[in-house]
Amino acid sequence: RPAVEAGEKLGYLPGDMKDKVDPYM
C-alpha cells in the first residue's frame, strides 16, 4: 500500500519504521 498521510503526519507516530507503517497495512 502507499503509506500516504490522510490528515495525520506519519513522522509523529511512535516507534520505529515498522511501527509507523503497520497501521497503514
mmCIF file of all heavy atoms, coordinates in Angstrom:
data_MODEL
# 
_entry.id   MODEL 
# 
loop_
_atom_site.group_PDB 
_atom_site.id 
_atom_site.type_symbol 
_atom_site.label_atom_id 
_atom_site.label_alt_id 
_atom_site.label_comp_id 
_atom_site.label_asym_id 
_atom_site.label_entity_id 
_atom_site.label_seq_id 
_atom_site.pdbx_PDB_ins_code 
_atom_site.Cartn_x 
_atom_site.Cartn_y 
_atom_site.Cartn_z 
_atom_site.occupancy 
_atom_site.B_iso_or_equiv 
_atom_site.pdbx_formal_charge 
_atom_site.auth_seq_id 
_atom_site.auth_comp_id 
_atom_site.auth_asym_id 
_atom_site.auth_atom_id 
_atom_site.pdbx_PDB_model_num 
ATOM 1   N N   . ARG A 1 1  ? 0.856  -1.195 0.000  1.00 0.00 ? 1  ARG A N   1 
ATOM 2   C CA  . ARG A 1 1  ? 0.000  0.000  0.000  1.00 0.00 ? 1  ARG A CA  1 
ATOM 3   C C   . ARG A 1 1  ? 0.889  1.241  0.000  1.00 0.00 ? 1  ARG A C   1 
ATOM 4   O O   . ARG A 1 1  ? 1.954  1.214  0.606  1.00 0.00 ? 1  ARG A O   1 
ATOM 5   C CB  . ARG A 1 1  ? -0.850 0.059  1.271  1.00 0.00 ? 1  ARG A CB  1 
ATOM 6   C CG  . ARG A 1 1  ? -2.165 -0.654 1.233  1.00 0.00 ? 1  ARG A CG  1 
ATOM 7   C CD  . ARG A 1 1  ? -2.917 -0.413 2.517  1.00 0.00 ? 1  ARG A CD  1 
ATOM 8   N NE  . ARG A 1 1  ? -4.345 -0.544 2.340  1.00 0.00 ? 1  ARG A NE  1 
ATOM 9   C CZ  . ARG A 1 1  ? -5.262 -0.030 3.153  1.00 0.00 ? 1  ARG A CZ  1 
ATOM 10  N NH1 . ARG A 1 1  ? -4.883 0.649  4.224  1.00 0.00 ? 1  ARG A NH1 1 
ATOM 11  N NH2 . ARG A 1 1  ? -6.538 -0.188 2.923  1.00 0.00 ? 1  ARG A NH2 1 
ATOM 12  N N   . PRO A 1 2  ? 0.449  2.326  -0.624 1.00 0.00 ? 2  PRO A N   1 
ATOM 13  C CA  . PRO A 1 2  ? 1.174  3.588  -0.423 1.00 0.00 ? 2  PRO A CA  1 
ATOM 14  C C   . PRO A 1 2  ? 0.945  4.079  1.010  1.00 0.00 ? 2  PRO A C   1 
ATOM 15  O O   . PRO A 1 2  ? -0.190 4.085  1.480  1.00 0.00 ? 2  PRO A O   1 
ATOM 16  C CB  . PRO A 1 2  ? 0.528  4.538  -1.435 1.00 0.00 ? 2  PRO A CB  1 
ATOM 17  C CG  . PRO A 1 2  ? -0.305 3.675  -2.338 1.00 0.00 ? 2  PRO A CG  1 
ATOM 18  C CD  . PRO A 1 2  ? -0.676 2.469  -1.547 1.00 0.00 ? 2  PRO A CD  1 
ATOM 19  N N   . ALA A 1 3  ? 2.000  4.443  1.694  1.00 0.00 ? 3  ALA A N   1 
ATOM 20  C CA  . ALA A 1 3  ? 1.865  4.969  3.061  1.00 0.00 ? 3  ALA A CA  1 
ATOM 21  C C   . ALA A 1 3  ? 1.637  6.474  2.975  1.00 0.00 ? 3  ALA A C   1 
ATOM 22  O O   . ALA A 1 3  ? 2.505  7.288  3.311  1.00 0.00 ? 3  ALA A O   1 
ATOM 23  C CB  . ALA A 1 3  ? 3.104  4.655  3.881  1.00 0.00 ? 3  ALA A CB  1 
ATOM 24  N N   . VAL A 1 4  ? 0.461  6.842  2.500  1.00 0.00 ? 4  VAL A N   1 
ATOM 25  C CA  . VAL A 1 4  ? 0.122  8.252  2.304  1.00 0.00 ? 4  VAL A CA  1 
ATOM 26  C C   . VAL A 1 4  ? -0.589 8.770  3.537  1.00 0.00 ? 4  VAL A C   1 
ATOM 27  O O   . VAL A 1 4  ? -1.511 8.128  4.058  1.00 0.00 ? 4  VAL A O   1 
ATOM 28  C CB  . VAL A 1 4  ? -0.771 8.439  1.056  1.00 0.00 ? 4  VAL A CB  1 
ATOM 29  C CG1 . VAL A 1 4  ? -1.251 9.869  0.942  1.00 0.00 ? 4  VAL A CG1 1 
ATOM 30  C CG2 . VAL A 1 4  ? -0.001 8.043  -0.195 1.00 0.00 ? 4  VAL A CG2 1 
ATOM 31  N N   . GLU A 1 5  ? -0.161 9.935  3.997  1.00 0.00 ? 5  GLU A N   1 
ATOM 32  C CA  . GLU A 1 5  ? -0.757 10.535 5.192  1.00 0.00 ? 5  GLU A CA  1 
ATOM 33  C C   . GLU A 1 5  ? -2.098 11.158 4.834  1.00 0.00 ? 5  GLU A C   1 
ATOM 34  O O   . GLU A 1 5  ? -2.169 12.025 3.972  1.00 0.00 ? 5  GLU A O   1 
ATOM 35  C CB  . GLU A 1 5  ? 0.184  11.591 5.768  1.00 0.00 ? 5  GLU A CB  1 
ATOM 36  C CG  . GLU A 1 5  ? 1.530  11.010 6.187  1.00 0.00 ? 5  GLU A CG  1 
ATOM 37  C CD  . GLU A 1 5  ? 2.599  12.070 6.371  1.00 0.00 ? 5  GLU A CD  1 
ATOM 38  O OE1 . GLU A 1 5  ? 2.297  13.245 6.108  1.00 0.00 ? 5  GLU A OE1 1 
ATOM 39  O OE2 . GLU A 1 5  ? 3.715  11.719 6.760  1.00 0.00 ? 5  GLU A OE2 1 
ATOM 40  N N   . ALA A 1 6  ? -3.149 10.681 5.468  1.00 0.00 ? 6  ALA A N   1 
ATOM 41  C CA  . ALA A 1 6  ? -4.504 11.195 5.211  1.00 0.00 ? 6  ALA A CA  1 
ATOM 42  C C   . ALA A 1 6  ? -4.920 12.089 6.378  1.00 0.00 ? 6  ALA A C   1 
ATOM 43  O O   . ALA A 1 6  ? -5.745 11.733 7.204  1.00 0.00 ? 6  ALA A O   1 
ATOM 44  C CB  . ALA A 1 6  ? -5.483 10.046 5.038  1.00 0.00 ? 6  ALA A CB  1 
ATOM 45  N N   . GLY A 1 7  ? -4.292 13.261 6.465  1.00 0.00 ? 7  GLY A N   1 
ATOM 46  C CA  . GLY A 1 7  ? -4.654 14.206 7.508  1.00 0.00 ? 7  GLY A CA  1 
ATOM 47  C C   . GLY A 1 7  ? -3.809 14.108 8.761  1.00 0.00 ? 7  GLY A C   1 
ATOM 48  O O   . GLY A 1 7  ? -3.926 14.941 9.646  1.00 0.00 ? 7  GLY A O   1 
ATOM 49  N N   . GLU A 1 8  ? -2.959 13.078 8.873  1.00 0.00 ? 8  GLU A N   1 
ATOM 50  C CA  . GLU A 1 8  ? -2.092 12.948 10.032 1.00 0.00 ? 8  GLU A CA  1 
ATOM 51  C C   . GLU A 1 8  ? -0.669 12.724 9.554  1.00 0.00 ? 8  GLU A C   1 
ATOM 52  O O   . GLU A 1 8  ? -0.433 12.118 8.519  1.00 0.00 ? 8  GLU A O   1 
ATOM 53  C CB  . GLU A 1 8  ? -2.536 11.776 10.918 1.00 0.00 ? 8  GLU A CB  1 
ATOM 54  C CG  . GLU A 1 8  ? -3.916 11.958 11.505 1.00 0.00 ? 8  GLU A CG  1 
ATOM 55  C CD  . GLU A 1 8  ? -4.271 10.834 12.466 1.00 0.00 ? 8  GLU A CD  1 
ATOM 56  O OE1 . GLU A 1 8  ? -3.371 10.331 13.147 1.00 0.00 ? 8  GLU A OE1 1 
ATOM 57  O OE2 . GLU A 1 8  ? -5.451 10.473 12.515 1.00 0.00 ? 8  GLU A OE2 1 
ATOM 58  N N   . LYS A 1 9  ? 0.297  13.215 10.326 1.00 0.00 ? 9  LYS A N   1 
ATOM 59  C CA  . LYS A 1 9  ? 1.694  13.111 9.948  1.00 0.00 ? 9  LYS A CA  1 
ATOM 60  C C   . LYS A 1 9  ? 2.283  11.794 10.417 1.00 0.00 ? 9  LYS A C   1 
ATOM 61  O O   . LYS A 1 9  ? 2.262  11.474 11.594 1.00 0.00 ? 9  LYS A O   1 
ATOM 62  C CB  . LYS A 1 9  ? 2.485  14.286 10.543 1.00 0.00 ? 9  LYS A CB  1 
ATOM 63  C CG  . LYS A 1 9  ? 2.039  15.654 10.010 1.00 0.00 ? 9  LYS A CG  1 
ATOM 64  C CD  . LYS A 1 9  ? 2.272  15.753 8.514  1.00 0.00 ? 9  LYS A CD  1 
ATOM 65  C CE  . LYS A 1 9  ? 1.872  17.127 7.971  1.00 0.00 ? 9  LYS A CE  1 
ATOM 66  N NZ  . LYS A 1 9  ? 2.016  17.214 6.514  1.00 0.00 ? 9  LYS A NZ  1 
ATOM 67  N N   . LEU A 1 10 ? 2.847  11.059 9.458  1.00 0.00 ? 10 LEU A N   1 
ATOM 68  C CA  . LEU A 1 10 ? 3.416  9.757  9.751  1.00 0.00 ? 10 LEU A CA  1 
ATOM 69  C C   . LEU A 1 10 ? 4.563  9.856  10.750 1.00 0.00 ? 10 LEU A C   1 
ATOM 70  O O   . LEU A 1 10 ? 4.727  9.009  11.624 1.00 0.00 ? 10 LEU A O   1 
ATOM 71  C CB  . LEU A 1 10 ? 3.901  9.120  8.439  1.00 0.00 ? 10 LEU A CB  1 
ATOM 72  C CG  . LEU A 1 10 ? 4.398  7.684  8.466  1.00 0.00 ? 10 LEU A CG  1 
ATOM 73  C CD1 . LEU A 1 10 ? 3.280  6.764  8.907  1.00 0.00 ? 10 LEU A CD1 1 
ATOM 74  C CD2 . LEU A 1 10 ? 4.916  7.277  7.100  1.00 0.00 ? 10 LEU A CD2 1 
ATOM 75  N N   . GLY A 1 11 ? 5.372  10.888 10.637 1.00 0.00 ? 11 GLY A N   1 
ATOM 76  C CA  . GLY A 1 11 ? 6.556  11.017 11.484 1.00 0.00 ? 11 GLY A CA  1 
ATOM 77  C C   . GLY A 1 11 ? 6.249  11.164 12.952 1.00 0.00 ? 11 GLY A C   1 
ATOM 78  O O   . GLY A 1 11 ? 7.107  10.884 13.805 1.00 0.00 ? 11 GLY A O   1 
ATOM 79  N N   . TYR A 1 12 ? 5.058  11.595 13.292 1.00 0.00 ? 12 TYR A N   1 
ATOM 80  C CA  . TYR A 1 12 ? 4.705  11.789 14.699 1.00 0.00 ? 12 TYR A CA  1 
ATOM 81  C C   . TYR A 1 12 ? 4.243  10.513 15.374 1.00 0.00 ? 12 TYR A C   1 
ATOM 82  O O   . TYR A 1 12 ? 4.053  10.492 16.586 1.00 0.00 ? 12 TYR A O   1 
ATOM 83  C CB  . TYR A 1 12 ? 3.607  12.855 14.826 1.00 0.00 ? 12 TYR A CB  1 
ATOM 84  C CG  . TYR A 1 12 ? 4.130  14.249 14.550 1.00 0.00 ? 12 TYR A CG  1 
ATOM 85  C CD1 . TYR A 1 12 ? 3.860  14.882 13.346 1.00 0.00 ? 12 TYR A CD1 1 
ATOM 86  C CD2 . TYR A 1 12 ? 4.910  14.909 15.502 1.00 0.00 ? 12 TYR A CD2 1 
ATOM 87  C CE1 . TYR A 1 12 ? 4.349  16.148 13.085 1.00 0.00 ? 12 TYR A CE1 1 
ATOM 88  C CE2 . TYR A 1 12 ? 5.397  16.188 15.244 1.00 0.00 ? 12 TYR A CE2 1 
ATOM 89  C CZ  . TYR A 1 12 ? 5.110  16.801 14.034 1.00 0.00 ? 12 TYR A CZ  1 
ATOM 90  O OH  . TYR A 1 12 ? 5.597  18.054 13.783 1.00 0.00 ? 12 TYR A OH  1 
ATOM 91  N N   . LEU A 1 13 ? 4.030  9.440  14.599 1.00 0.00 ? 13 LEU A N   1 
ATOM 92  C CA  . LEU A 1 13 ? 3.633  8.178  15.206 1.00 0.00 ? 13 LEU A CA  1 
ATOM 93  C C   . LEU A 1 13 ? 4.801  7.595  15.984 1.00 0.00 ? 13 LEU A C   1 
ATOM 94  O O   . LEU A 1 13 ? 5.961  7.711  15.578 1.00 0.00 ? 13 LEU A O   1 
ATOM 95  C CB  . LEU A 1 13 ? 3.181  7.187  14.128 1.00 0.00 ? 13 LEU A CB  1 
ATOM 96  C CG  . LEU A 1 13 ? 1.891  7.536  13.384 1.00 0.00 ? 13 LEU A CG  1 
ATOM 97  C CD1 . LEU A 1 13 ? 1.670  6.555  12.236 1.00 0.00 ? 13 LEU A CD1 1 
ATOM 98  C CD2 . LEU A 1 13 ? 0.702  7.515  14.325 1.00 0.00 ? 13 LEU A CD2 1 
ATOM 99  N N   . PRO A 1 14 ? 4.535  6.938  17.113 1.00 0.00 ? 14 PRO A N   1 
ATOM 100 C CA  . PRO A 1 14 ? 5.626  6.388  17.929 1.00 0.00 ? 14 PRO A CA  1 
ATOM 101 C C   . PRO A 1 14 ? 6.246  5.154  17.291 1.00 0.00 ? 14 PRO A C   1 
ATOM 102 O O   . PRO A 1 14 ? 5.645  4.497  16.441 1.00 0.00 ? 14 PRO A O   1 
ATOM 103 C CB  . PRO A 1 14 ? 4.917  6.021  19.243 1.00 0.00 ? 14 PRO A CB  1 
ATOM 104 C CG  . PRO A 1 14 ? 3.503  5.745  18.846 1.00 0.00 ? 14 PRO A CG  1 
ATOM 105 C CD  . PRO A 1 14 ? 3.220  6.692  17.712 1.00 0.00 ? 14 PRO A CD  1 
ATOM 106 N N   . GLY A 1 15 ? 7.473  4.807  17.722 1.00 0.00 ? 15 GLY A N   1 
ATOM 107 C CA  . GLY A 1 15 ? 8.119  3.561  17.319 1.00 0.00 ? 15 GLY A CA  1 
ATOM 108 C C   . GLY A 1 15 ? 9.041  3.712  16.135 1.00 0.00 ? 15 GLY A C   1 
ATOM 109 O O   . GLY A 1 15 ? 9.284  4.804  15.615 1.00 0.00 ? 15 GLY A O   1 
ATOM 110 N N   . ASP A 1 16 ? 9.582  2.537  15.692 1.00 0.00 ? 16 ASP A N   1 
ATOM 111 C CA  . ASP A 1 16 ? 10.479 2.518  14.544 1.00 0.00 ? 16 ASP A CA  1 
ATOM 112 C C   . ASP A 1 16 ? 9.666  2.544  13.252 1.00 0.00 ? 16 ASP A C   1 
ATOM 113 O O   . ASP A 1 16 ? 8.439  2.690  13.276 1.00 0.00 ? 16 ASP A O   1 
ATOM 114 C CB  . ASP A 1 16 ? 11.397 1.296  14.602 1.00 0.00 ? 16 ASP A CB  1 
ATOM 115 C CG  . ASP A 1 16 ? 10.621 -0.022 14.632 1.00 0.00 ? 16 ASP A CG  1 
ATOM 116 O OD1 . ASP A 1 16 ? 9.417  -0.022 14.274 1.00 0.00 ? 16 ASP A OD1 1 
ATOM 117 O OD2 . ASP A 1 16 ? 11.214 -1.046 15.014 1.00 0.00 ? 16 ASP A OD2 1 
ATOM 118 N N   . MET A 1 17 ? 10.348 2.371  12.110 1.00 0.00 ? 17 MET A N   1 
ATOM 119 C CA  . MET A 1 17 ? 9.665  2.485  10.829 1.00 0.00 ? 17 MET A CA  1 
ATOM 120 C C   . MET A 1 17 ? 8.533  1.468  10.695 1.00 0.00 ? 17 MET A C   1 
ATOM 121 O O   . MET A 1 17 ? 7.445  1.773  10.208 1.00 0.00 ? 17 MET A O   1 
ATOM 122 C CB  . MET A 1 17 ? 10.672 2.314  9.682  1.00 0.00 ? 17 MET A CB  1 
ATOM 123 C CG  . MET A 1 17 ? 10.056 2.409  8.294  1.00 0.00 ? 17 MET A CG  1 
ATOM 124 S SD  . MET A 1 17 ? 9.128  3.949  8.015  1.00 0.00 ? 17 MET A SD  1 
ATOM 125 C CE  . MET A 1 17 ? 10.479 5.119  7.973  1.00 0.00 ? 17 MET A CE  1 
ATOM 126 N N   . LYS A 1 18 ? 8.773  0.215  11.137 1.00 0.00 ? 18 LYS A N   1 
ATOM 127 C CA  . LYS A 1 18 ? 7.728  -0.809 11.052 1.00 0.00 ? 18 LYS A CA  1 
ATOM 128 C C   . LYS A 1 18 ? 6.511  -0.402 11.867 1.00 0.00 ? 18 LYS A C   1 
ATOM 129 O O   . LYS A 1 18 ? 5.371  -0.553 11.433 1.00 0.00 ? 18 LYS A O   1 
ATOM 130 C CB  . LYS A 1 18 ? 8.255  -2.158 11.532 1.00 0.00 ? 18 LYS A CB  1 
ATOM 131 C CG  . LYS A 1 18 ? 7.238  -3.300 11.404 1.00 0.00 ? 18 LYS A CG  1 
ATOM 132 C CD  . LYS A 1 18 ? 7.827  -4.610 11.839 1.00 0.00 ? 18 LYS A CD  1 
ATOM 133 C CE  . LYS A 1 18 ? 6.843  -5.765 11.592 1.00 0.00 ? 18 LYS A CE  1 
ATOM 134 N NZ  . LYS A 1 18 ? 5.559  -5.581 12.286 1.00 0.00 ? 18 LYS A NZ  1 
ATOM 135 N N   . ASP A 1 19 ? 6.758  0.119  13.092 1.00 0.00 ? 19 ASP A N   1 
ATOM 136 C CA  . ASP A 1 19 ? 5.650  0.559  13.940 1.00 0.00 ? 19 ASP A CA  1 
ATOM 137 C C   . ASP A 1 19 ? 4.875  1.691  13.281 1.00 0.00 ? 19 ASP A C   1 
ATOM 138 O O   . ASP A 1 19 ? 3.650  1.796  13.427 1.00 0.00 ? 19 ASP A O   1 
ATOM 139 C CB  . ASP A 1 19 ? 6.173  1.021  15.299 1.00 0.00 ? 19 ASP A CB  1 
ATOM 140 C CG  . ASP A 1 19 ? 6.788  -0.117 16.093 1.00 0.00 ? 19 ASP A CG  1 
ATOM 141 O OD1 . ASP A 1 19 ? 6.312  -1.250 15.937 1.00 0.00 ? 19 ASP A OD1 1 
ATOM 142 O OD2 . ASP A 1 19 ? 7.741  0.127  16.859 1.00 0.00 ? 19 ASP A OD2 1 
ATOM 143 N N   . LYS A 1 20 ? 5.570  2.553  12.542 1.00 0.00 ? 20 LYS A N   1 
ATOM 144 C CA  . LYS A 1 20 ? 4.913  3.701  11.918 1.00 0.00 ? 20 LYS A CA  1 
ATOM 145 C C   . LYS A 1 20 ? 4.035  3.296  10.730 1.00 0.00 ? 20 LYS A C   1 
ATOM 146 O O   . LYS A 1 20 ? 2.970  3.871  10.522 1.00 0.00 ? 20 LYS A O   1 
ATOM 147 C CB  . LYS A 1 20 ? 5.972  4.719  11.450 1.00 0.00 ? 20 LYS A CB  1 
ATOM 148 C CG  . LYS A 1 20 ? 6.713  5.433  12.569 1.00 0.00 ? 20 LYS A CG  1 
ATOM 149 C CD  . LYS A 1 20 ? 7.774  6.347  11.981 1.00 0.00 ? 20 LYS A CD  1 
ATOM 150 C CE  . LYS A 1 20 ? 8.669  6.937  13.059 1.00 0.00 ? 20 LYS A CE  1 
ATOM 151 N NZ  . LYS A 1 20 ? 7.957  7.912  13.905 1.00 0.00 ? 20 LYS A NZ  1 
ATOM 152 N N   . VAL A 1 21 ? 4.496  2.307  9.961  1.00 0.00 ? 21 VAL A N   1 
ATOM 153 C CA  . VAL A 1 21 ? 3.748  1.966  8.745  1.00 0.00 ? 21 VAL A CA  1 
ATOM 154 C C   . VAL A 1 21 ? 2.735  0.851  8.959  1.00 0.00 ? 21 VAL A C   1 
ATOM 155 O O   . VAL A 1 21 ? 1.798  0.711  8.171  1.00 0.00 ? 21 VAL A O   1 
ATOM 156 C CB  . VAL A 1 21 ? 4.710  1.577  7.590  1.00 0.00 ? 21 VAL A CB  1 
ATOM 157 C CG1 . VAL A 1 21 ? 5.641  2.723  7.267  1.00 0.00 ? 21 VAL A CG1 1 
ATOM 158 C CG2 . VAL A 1 21 ? 5.476  0.310  7.914  1.00 0.00 ? 21 VAL A CG2 1 
ATOM 159 N N   . ASP A 1 22 ? 2.890  0.051  10.027 1.00 0.00 ? 22 ASP A N   1 
ATOM 160 C CA  . ASP A 1 22 ? 1.974  -1.075 10.239 1.00 0.00 ? 22 ASP A CA  1 
ATOM 161 C C   . ASP A 1 22 ? 0.499  -0.670 10.304 1.00 0.00 ? 22 ASP A C   1 
ATOM 162 O O   . ASP A 1 22 ? -0.360 -1.392 9.797  1.00 0.00 ? 22 ASP A O   1 
ATOM 163 C CB  . ASP A 1 22 ? 2.367  -1.857 11.498 1.00 0.00 ? 22 ASP A CB  1 
ATOM 164 C CG  . ASP A 1 22 ? 3.262  -3.051 11.161 1.00 0.00 ? 22 ASP A CG  1 
ATOM 165 O OD1 . ASP A 1 22 ? 3.568  -3.235 9.967  1.00 0.00 ? 22 ASP A OD1 1 
ATOM 166 O OD2 . ASP A 1 22 ? 3.651  -3.790 12.079 1.00 0.00 ? 22 ASP A OD2 1 
ATOM 167 N N   . PRO A 1 23 ? 0.163  0.484  10.945 1.00 0.00 ? 23 PRO A N   1 
ATOM 168 C CA  . PRO A 1 23 ? -1.259 0.865  10.946 1.00 0.00 ? 23 PRO A CA  1 
ATOM 169 C C   . PRO A 1 23 ? -1.835 1.035  9.539  1.00 0.00 ? 23 PRO A C   1 
ATOM 170 O O   . PRO A 1 23 ? -3.006 0.756  9.304  1.00 0.00 ? 23 PRO A O   1 
ATOM 171 C CB  . PRO A 1 23 ? -1.265 2.202  11.701 1.00 0.00 ? 23 PRO A CB  1 
ATOM 172 C CG  . PRO A 1 23 ? -0.067 2.117  12.597 1.00 0.00 ? 23 PRO A CG  1 
ATOM 173 C CD  . PRO A 1 23 ? 0.960  1.375  11.801 1.00 0.00 ? 23 PRO A CD  1 
ATOM 174 N N   . TYR A 1 24 ? -1.008 1.473  8.590  1.00 0.00 ? 24 TYR A N   1 
ATOM 175 C CA  . TYR A 1 24 ? -1.472 1.622  7.212  1.00 0.00 ? 24 TYR A CA  1 
ATOM 176 C C   . TYR A 1 24 ? -1.702 0.262  6.556  1.00 0.00 ? 24 TYR A C   1 
ATOM 177 O O   . TYR A 1 24 ? -2.491 0.129  5.625  1.00 0.00 ? 24 TYR A O   1 
ATOM 178 C CB  . TYR A 1 24 ? -0.436 2.415  6.390  1.00 0.00 ? 24 TYR A CB  1 
ATOM 179 C CG  . TYR A 1 24 ? -0.359 3.869  6.756  1.00 0.00 ? 24 TYR A CG  1 
ATOM 180 C CD1 . TYR A 1 24 ? 0.437  4.300  7.805  1.00 0.00 ? 24 TYR A CD1 1 
ATOM 181 C CD2 . TYR A 1 24 ? -1.086 4.826  6.055  1.00 0.00 ? 24 TYR A CD2 1 
ATOM 182 C CE1 . TYR A 1 24 ? 0.521  5.637  8.152  1.00 0.00 ? 24 TYR A CE1 1 
ATOM 183 C CE2 . TYR A 1 24 ? -1.019 6.166  6.388  1.00 0.00 ? 24 TYR A CE2 1 
ATOM 184 C CZ  . TYR A 1 24 ? -0.218 6.562  7.438  1.00 0.00 ? 24 TYR A CZ  1 
ATOM 185 O OH  . TYR A 1 24 ? -0.147 7.887  7.791  1.00 0.00 ? 24 TYR A OH  1 
ATOM 186 N N   . MET A 1 25 ? -0.987 -0.753 7.020  1.00 0.00 ? 25 MET A N   1 
ATOM 187 C CA  . MET A 1 25 ? -1.063 -2.090 6.435  1.00 0.00 ? 25 MET A CA  1 
ATOM 188 C C   . MET A 1 25 ? -2.100 -2.982 7.116  1.00 0.00 ? 25 MET A C   1 
ATOM 189 O O   . MET A 1 25 ? -2.350 -4.094 6.662  1.00 0.00 ? 25 MET A O   1 
ATOM 190 C CB  . MET A 1 25 ? 0.307  -2.780 6.529  1.00 0.00 ? 25 MET A CB  1 
ATOM 191 C CG  . MET A 1 25 ? 1.470  -1.993 5.943  1.00 0.00 ? 25 MET A CG  1 
ATOM 192 S SD  . MET A 1 25 ? 1.291  -1.775 4.158  1.00 0.00 ? 25 MET A SD  1 
ATOM 193 C CE  . MET A 1 25 ? 1.440  0.014  4.043  1.00 0.00 ? 25 MET A CE  1 
# 
